[in-house]
Protein backbone atom coordinates (compact mmCIF):
# COMPACT_ATOMS: atom_id res chain seq x y z
CA MET A 1 117.83 107.06 49.65
CA ALA A 2 117.18 103.68 51.33
CA ASN A 3 120.35 104.01 53.40
CA LEU A 4 119.35 107.50 54.54
CA SER A 5 115.91 106.22 55.48
CA GLN A 6 117.38 103.33 57.48
CA LYS A 7 119.84 105.65 59.23
CA SER A 8 117.05 108.06 60.14
CA LYS A 9 115.01 105.17 61.47
CA GLN A 10 117.84 104.05 63.75
CA ASN A 11 118.67 107.53 65.02
CA GLY A 12 115.13 108.77 65.72
CA LEU A 13 113.81 108.46 69.26
CA PHE A 14 110.39 107.18 68.21
CA GLN A 15 109.49 104.77 65.49
CA SER A 16 106.37 103.78 63.62
CA GLY A 17 105.55 100.52 61.96
CA ARG A 18 103.19 97.71 62.87
CA LEU A 19 104.05 95.83 66.04
CA ASP A 20 103.67 92.07 66.32
CA ILE A 21 100.06 91.42 67.33
CA THR A 22 100.72 87.75 68.12
CA PHE A 23 103.41 88.57 70.69
CA LEU A 24 101.29 91.36 72.20
CA SER A 25 98.26 89.05 72.45
CA LEU A 26 100.29 86.40 74.26
CA VAL A 27 101.56 89.00 76.75
CA LEU A 28 98.03 90.26 77.42
CA ILE A 29 96.62 86.74 77.81
CA LEU A 30 99.31 85.74 80.30
CA LEU A 31 98.88 89.01 82.20
CA THR A 32 95.10 88.56 82.43
CA ILE A 33 95.32 84.96 83.61
CA GLY A 34 98.07 85.97 86.02
CA LEU A 35 95.94 88.70 87.63
CA VAL A 36 92.94 86.38 87.98
CA MET A 37 95.04 83.65 89.58
CA LEU A 38 96.84 86.13 91.84
CA PHE A 39 93.53 87.32 93.26
CA SER A 40 92.33 83.77 93.72
CA ALA A 41 95.57 82.70 95.40
CA SER A 42 95.98 85.77 97.61
CA TYR A 43 92.62 86.80 99.03
CA ALA A 44 92.58 84.32 101.97
CA TYR A 45 96.16 85.16 102.96
CA SER A 46 95.51 88.88 102.50
CA LEU A 47 92.36 88.74 104.66
CA GLU A 48 94.09 86.81 107.43
CA TYR A 49 97.20 88.97 107.72
CA TYR A 50 96.02 92.37 106.48
CA ASP A 51 92.24 92.24 107.09
CA ASN A 52 91.74 93.15 103.44
CA SER A 53 91.11 90.52 100.77
CA TYR A 54 91.94 92.98 97.99
CA LYS A 55 95.29 94.27 99.26
CA PHE A 56 97.52 92.33 96.84
CA ILE A 57 95.31 92.32 93.76
CA VAL A 58 94.60 96.06 93.91
CA LYS A 59 98.28 96.92 94.12
CA GLN A 60 99.19 94.40 91.41
CA ALA A 61 96.43 95.69 89.14
CA LEU A 62 97.68 99.26 89.55
CA PHE A 63 101.21 98.21 88.63
CA ALA A 64 99.80 96.19 85.72
CA GLY A 65 98.12 99.34 84.43
CA ALA A 66 101.36 101.29 84.81
CA GLY A 67 103.19 98.41 83.16
CA LEU A 68 100.87 98.44 80.14
CA LEU A 69 101.52 102.15 79.79
CA ALA A 70 105.26 101.45 80.00
CA LEU A 71 104.83 98.70 77.39
CA PHE A 72 103.15 101.14 75.03
CA VAL A 73 105.86 103.77 75.55
CA THR A 74 108.81 101.37 75.14
CA SER A 75 107.18 99.81 72.08
CA ARG A 76 107.17 103.26 70.44
CA ILE A 77 110.71 104.19 71.51
CA ASN A 78 113.27 103.19 68.91
CA TYR A 79 115.08 100.20 70.42
CA HIS A 80 118.42 101.66 69.30
CA PHE A 81 117.98 104.17 72.11
CA TRP A 82 118.97 101.45 74.60
CA ARG A 83 122.26 100.97 72.80
CA LYS A 84 123.17 104.58 73.57
CA ILE A 85 122.60 104.29 77.32
CA SER A 86 123.66 100.67 77.86
CA TRP A 87 126.84 101.54 79.79
CA VAL A 88 124.99 104.12 81.88
CA VAL A 89 122.35 101.57 82.87
CA TYR A 90 124.96 98.93 83.66
CA ILE A 91 127.23 101.18 85.75
CA GLY A 92 124.22 102.64 87.57
CA THR A 93 122.91 99.16 88.35
CA ALA A 94 126.31 97.96 89.57
CA PHE A 95 126.53 101.01 91.84
CA VAL A 96 123.10 100.29 93.36
CA LEU A 97 124.00 96.62 93.87
CA LEU A 98 127.23 97.65 95.61
CA LEU A 99 125.39 100.22 97.72
CA LEU A 100 122.89 97.56 98.69
CA LEU A 101 125.70 95.41 100.12
CA ILE A 102 127.20 98.29 102.09
CA LEU A 103 123.99 99.56 103.67
CA PRO A 104 122.01 97.62 106.29
CA PRO A 105 118.95 95.65 105.04
CA MET A 106 116.30 98.11 103.87
CA VAL A 107 113.31 95.82 104.50
CA SER A 108 112.55 95.21 108.16
CA GLY A 109 112.68 91.58 109.26
CA MET A 110 114.94 90.58 106.36
CA SER A 111 118.55 89.53 106.89
CA VAL A 112 119.27 89.38 103.15
CA LYS A 113 120.00 92.52 101.14
CA ARG A 114 117.89 92.03 98.03
CA TRP A 115 115.57 95.03 98.21
CA PHE A 116 116.27 98.71 97.69
CA ALA A 117 113.71 101.07 99.20
CA ILE A 118 112.81 104.55 98.00
CA GLY A 119 110.07 105.76 100.32
CA PRO A 120 107.17 103.30 100.20
CA VAL A 121 108.44 101.69 96.98
CA THR A 122 110.75 98.69 97.17
CA PHE A 123 112.39 96.89 94.28
CA GLN A 124 115.09 94.32 93.67
CA PRO A 125 118.08 95.77 91.78
CA SER A 126 118.74 92.25 90.49
CA GLU A 127 115.66 92.70 88.26
CA ILE A 128 117.33 95.70 86.64
CA ALA A 129 120.65 93.83 86.51
CA LYS A 130 119.12 91.27 84.14
CA PHE A 131 118.03 94.07 81.82
CA ALA A 132 121.39 95.83 82.15
CA ILE A 133 123.28 92.71 81.07
CA ILE A 134 120.94 92.16 78.14
CA ILE A 135 121.28 95.65 76.67
CA LEU A 136 125.01 95.92 77.38
CA PHE A 137 125.88 92.53 75.87
CA SER A 138 123.59 93.21 72.90
CA THR A 139 125.42 96.50 72.34
CA LEU A 140 128.93 95.09 72.72
CA ILE A 141 128.34 91.96 70.66
CA ALA A 142 126.53 93.78 67.85
CA ALA A 143 129.30 96.38 67.62
CA ASN A 144 132.18 93.87 67.81
CA GLN A 145 131.09 90.89 65.73
CA LYS A 146 134.59 90.21 64.45
CA LEU A 147 135.97 90.14 68.01
CA MET A 148 133.66 87.30 69.09
CA LYS A 149 136.36 84.89 68.02
CA ASN A 150 138.98 86.80 70.02
CA TYR A 151 139.48 85.24 73.43
CA LYS A 152 140.44 88.58 75.00
CA PHE A 153 137.09 90.12 74.08
CA VAL A 154 135.20 87.03 75.21
CA LEU A 155 137.16 87.12 78.46
CA PHE A 156 136.14 90.76 78.90
CA LEU A 157 132.47 89.85 78.44
CA PHE A 158 132.71 87.08 81.01
CA GLY A 159 134.50 89.46 83.35
CA VAL A 160 131.59 91.93 83.17
CA LEU A 161 129.16 89.07 83.69
CA GLY A 162 131.20 87.72 86.61
CA ILE A 163 131.24 91.08 88.41
CA THR A 164 127.46 91.34 88.11
CA CYS A 165 126.90 87.79 89.34
CA LEU A 166 129.28 88.37 92.25
CA LEU A 167 127.38 91.44 93.43
CA VAL A 168 124.06 89.58 93.24
CA VAL A 169 125.20 86.34 94.89
CA LEU A 170 126.56 88.29 97.86
CA GLU A 171 123.05 89.55 98.71
CA PRO A 172 122.60 86.48 98.67
CA HIS A 173 120.23 85.85 95.76
CA LEU A 174 121.09 82.56 94.10
CA SER A 175 118.14 82.35 91.68
CA ALA A 176 118.84 85.81 90.24
CA THR A 177 122.52 84.92 89.93
CA VAL A 178 121.67 81.79 87.95
CA LEU A 179 119.34 83.76 85.68
CA ILE A 180 121.84 86.53 85.00
CA ALA A 181 124.64 84.04 84.35
CA ALA A 182 122.47 81.98 81.99
CA ILE A 183 121.29 85.06 80.08
CA GLY A 184 124.86 86.30 79.66
CA VAL A 185 126.19 82.94 78.49
CA VAL A 186 123.34 82.48 75.99
CA LEU A 187 123.88 85.95 74.52
CA ILE A 188 127.61 85.32 74.17
CA TYR A 189 126.96 81.98 72.50
CA VAL A 190 124.32 83.16 70.01
CA GLY A 191 126.36 86.30 69.41
CA GLY A 192 128.84 84.27 67.39
CA LEU A 193 131.17 82.62 69.88
CA ASP A 194 133.57 80.23 68.19
CA ARG A 195 132.86 76.74 69.52
CA LYS A 196 136.56 76.00 69.42
CA VAL A 197 137.31 78.68 72.00
CA VAL A 198 138.36 76.51 74.90
CA ILE A 199 138.76 79.54 77.11
CA LEU A 200 134.99 79.53 77.64
CA GLY A 201 135.15 76.40 79.76
CA ILE A 202 138.13 77.74 81.71
CA ILE A 203 136.33 81.00 82.50
CA LEU A 204 133.19 79.19 83.66
CA ALA A 205 135.28 76.94 85.88
CA VAL A 206 137.13 79.91 87.40
CA LEU A 207 133.86 81.74 88.01
CA GLY A 208 132.41 78.63 89.65
CA VAL A 209 135.42 78.23 91.95
CA ALA A 210 135.32 81.92 92.84
CA LEU A 211 131.65 81.76 93.72
CA VAL A 212 132.22 78.70 95.89
CA ILE A 213 135.05 80.42 97.78
CA ILE A 214 132.99 83.58 98.30
CA THR A 215 129.83 81.80 99.37
CA GLN A 216 131.78 79.62 101.78
CA SER A 217 133.22 82.69 103.44
CA THR A 218 129.74 84.22 103.82
CA GLY A 219 128.11 81.05 105.09
CA PHE A 220 125.89 80.80 102.01
CA ILE A 221 126.99 77.27 101.13
CA SER A 222 125.47 75.76 104.26
CA TYR A 223 122.22 77.54 103.42
CA GLY A 224 122.28 76.11 99.93
CA ALA A 225 123.20 72.67 101.26
CA ASP A 226 120.11 72.67 103.49
CA ARG A 227 117.94 73.49 100.50
CA ILE A 228 119.39 70.55 98.57
CA LYS A 229 118.85 68.27 101.57
CA TYR A 230 115.16 69.14 101.88
CA TRP A 231 114.72 69.07 98.13
CA LEU A 232 115.77 65.43 98.12
CA ASP A 233 113.62 64.62 101.15
CA PRO A 234 111.18 67.39 102.16
CA TRP A 235 109.52 65.02 104.63
CA ALA A 236 112.74 65.02 106.67
CA ASP A 237 111.42 68.27 108.18
CA ALA A 238 107.74 68.22 107.20
CA THR A 239 106.73 71.03 109.56
CA GLY A 240 109.79 73.18 108.92
CA GLU A 241 112.05 73.50 105.88
CA GLY A 242 110.10 70.97 103.82
CA PHE A 243 106.64 72.33 104.65
CA GLN A 244 106.25 74.63 101.64
CA THR A 245 107.34 71.98 99.15
CA ILE A 246 105.06 69.33 100.66
CA GLN A 247 102.02 71.64 100.64
CA SER A 248 102.82 72.63 97.06
CA LEU A 249 102.91 69.01 95.93
CA LEU A 250 99.64 68.31 97.76
CA ALA A 251 98.03 71.25 95.96
CA ILE A 252 99.26 70.04 92.57
CA GLY A 253 98.15 66.47 93.23
CA SER A 254 94.69 67.45 94.50
CA GLY A 255 93.99 69.42 91.34
CA GLY A 256 93.84 66.30 89.22
CA VAL A 257 93.24 66.58 85.50
CA LEU A 258 90.49 69.22 85.46
CA GLY A 259 91.18 71.04 88.72
CA ARG A 260 88.86 72.11 91.53
CA GLY A 261 87.80 75.27 89.70
CA ILE A 262 88.88 78.90 89.95
CA GLY A 263 88.63 80.10 93.54
CA GLN A 264 88.17 76.58 94.92
CA SER A 265 91.70 75.86 96.13
CA ARG A 266 92.00 74.47 99.66
CA GLN A 267 95.76 74.74 100.00
CA LYS A 268 95.69 78.54 99.68
CA TYR A 269 93.92 78.74 103.04
CA LEU A 270 97.19 79.21 104.94
CA TRP A 271 98.65 75.83 103.96
CA VAL A 272 100.93 76.89 101.11
CA PRO A 273 103.00 79.73 102.67
CA GLU A 274 102.50 83.03 100.80
CA PRO A 275 100.66 81.34 97.89
CA HIS A 276 100.65 84.58 95.89
CA ASN A 277 104.43 84.65 95.52
CA ASP A 278 106.87 82.05 94.22
CA PHE A 279 104.51 79.08 94.68
CA ILE A 280 101.47 80.50 92.93
CA PHE A 281 101.77 77.86 90.21
CA SER A 282 100.81 75.18 92.74
CA ILE A 283 97.49 76.99 93.28
CA VAL A 284 97.12 77.28 89.51
CA CYS A 285 97.51 73.51 89.22
CA GLU A 286 95.02 72.89 92.04
CA GLU A 287 92.34 75.13 90.59
CA LEU A 288 92.88 74.62 86.86
CA GLY A 289 94.22 71.07 86.96
CA LEU A 290 96.71 69.40 84.65
CA ILE A 291 95.00 70.73 81.55
CA GLY A 292 95.07 74.33 82.77
CA ALA A 293 98.72 74.01 83.79
CA ILE A 294 99.63 72.63 80.36
CA VAL A 295 97.78 75.48 78.64
CA ILE A 296 99.78 78.05 80.64
CA ILE A 297 103.05 76.27 79.86
CA ILE A 298 102.09 76.28 76.16
CA LEU A 299 101.37 80.02 76.35
CA PHE A 300 104.85 80.66 77.77
CA ALA A 301 106.36 78.43 75.07
CA LEU A 302 104.48 80.34 72.36
CA LEU A 303 105.68 83.64 73.80
CA VAL A 304 109.29 82.44 73.63
CA TRP A 305 108.80 81.10 70.10
CA ARG A 306 107.30 84.37 68.91
CA GLY A 307 110.01 86.40 70.61
CA PHE A 308 112.69 84.34 68.89
CA THR A 309 110.84 84.74 65.57
CA ILE A 310 110.98 88.51 66.02
CA ALA A 311 114.68 88.21 66.84
CA MET A 312 115.44 86.17 63.71
CA ARG A 313 113.57 88.63 61.50
CA SER A 314 115.15 91.72 63.09
CA SER A 315 116.66 94.24 60.71
CA ASP A 316 119.98 94.30 62.62
CA LYS A 317 122.13 92.33 65.04
CA PHE A 318 121.43 94.58 68.02
CA GLY A 319 117.66 94.15 67.71
CA SER A 320 118.09 90.40 67.32
CA MET A 321 120.24 90.09 70.44
CA LEU A 322 117.89 92.33 72.41
CA ALA A 323 114.80 90.28 71.54
CA ILE A 324 116.59 86.98 72.25
CA GLY A 325 117.83 88.14 75.64
CA LEU A 326 114.52 89.57 76.85
CA THR A 327 112.48 86.62 75.60
CA PHE A 328 114.91 84.03 76.93
CA GLN A 329 114.77 85.69 80.36
CA VAL A 330 110.99 85.19 80.58
CA GLY A 331 111.11 81.62 79.30
CA LEU A 332 113.95 80.55 81.58
CA GLN A 333 112.41 82.19 84.65
CA ALA A 334 109.05 80.51 84.01
CA MET A 335 110.69 77.13 83.50
CA LEU A 336 112.79 77.38 86.67
CA ASN A 337 109.79 78.48 88.74
CA ILE A 338 107.69 75.54 87.54
CA TRP A 339 110.58 73.18 88.27
CA VAL A 340 110.87 74.57 91.81
CA VAL A 341 107.13 74.32 92.49
CA THR A 342 107.05 70.71 91.27
CA ASN A 343 110.21 69.94 93.32
CA THR A 344 112.17 69.10 90.18
CA ILE A 345 114.98 71.37 91.41
CA PRO A 346 115.75 72.87 94.87
CA ASN A 347 113.79 75.90 96.01
CA THR A 348 115.67 78.98 94.82
CA GLY A 349 113.05 81.65 95.47
CA ILE A 350 112.25 82.51 91.87
CA SER A 351 108.99 84.15 90.76
CA LEU A 352 106.65 83.20 87.92
CA PRO A 353 106.47 85.99 85.30
CA PHE A 354 103.04 87.65 84.98
CA PHE A 355 101.67 85.61 87.90
CA SER A 356 103.71 86.10 91.09
CA TYR A 357 103.02 89.15 93.24
CA GLY A 358 105.51 91.98 92.81
CA GLY A 359 104.51 95.34 91.42
CA THR A 360 107.87 96.72 90.35
CA SER A 361 108.89 93.36 88.86
CA LEU A 362 105.71 93.30 86.77
CA LEU A 363 106.26 96.90 85.69
CA ILE A 364 109.81 96.15 84.53
CA LEU A 365 108.70 92.94 82.81
CA LEU A 366 105.98 94.68 80.79
CA ALA A 367 108.36 97.48 79.83
CA GLU A 368 110.80 94.83 78.57
CA MET A 369 108.04 93.18 76.52
CA GLY A 370 107.44 96.60 75.00
CA ILE A 371 111.06 96.68 73.86
CA VAL A 372 110.58 93.34 72.09
CA LEU A 373 107.54 94.85 70.39
CA SER A 374 109.70 97.82 69.40
CA VAL A 375 112.09 95.40 67.70
CA SER A 376 109.11 93.81 65.95
CA ARG A 377 108.15 97.17 64.39
CA GLY A 378 111.30 97.08 62.32
CA ALA A 379 111.37 93.31 61.84
CA ASN A 380 110.14 91.39 58.83
CA VAL A 381 107.78 89.14 60.77
CA GLU A 382 105.32 87.31 58.58
CA LYS A 383 101.77 86.73 59.69
CA VAL A 384 101.05 83.35 61.24
CA LYS A 385 98.99 81.31 58.81
């Protein structure tokens, strides 16, 4: 009877059960702080360039509402549903990425091919590519546990990952490529990869050489080299390539320990370029100070911890891999963004989850958090004492 009940639970489209309130609360707290800080960071820029202080926050709030609805829906959908359509999502995403490279840039004024436009709506297929890799690898690894020590199967997984990274890096979109590669490698490792499989290092080396050859032929290496140059010394071109980094560091430094207060940033007044996007964390530091920045970092860390707790208590391998992949994506992206804003690593153009402006990205992110909550419905997660 128990086996029949478990089978019915996995095959049904919707599932009941109590979702993890701790994880949901952390998502809602980060989303709320993110919306407040987005409005604070964007209204001067929005007024100057669009004659409307509310342009960015209104659109982001609408997508946040749609995202919360998507979170509720995906949290009720049985997460095993994604196993059934994993190949469809991956092949469809790869097709869109390939189509993006063939067609001319869809966003006017942009030489890179990162955005796909459908009427007034634009989105980055690389966002969906992250999700596609997560659900496909979770499906393949969960269904082929015994093959994780077989180098041919591991080679196949890296081949799928390499094709995806190749399509994204040709846009070019280095930060998304790094994220997708890291997510794939982590899933392969935690999926049961034998540490003695030396082929892993060989594959990574081959992929690295291939990417170097490809990016050299497209002229991307020189672009990346410039970013490294101005990362090491942004003052070498203080009014050009190093301007954004310098203004970001000034914003962080001027915030001090307690910050200037919400809405009191000076650097957002057309000093930090597009402060509502990738460098919004510098405005956060200026207005909320060191203490506020640490609190936000702790919130992200708690979200990752709780997501991994859900993964470890999942009732099956697929749910565990799914929760690990989706949670790791958020944690890694937040960490890389903060490193970029503080000039710890070169500027790669990576957004801060829940904070940076981007409606479709926020919608996808909240839907993904709903999937983690779906896993939590069937997980044995104990209450935090």
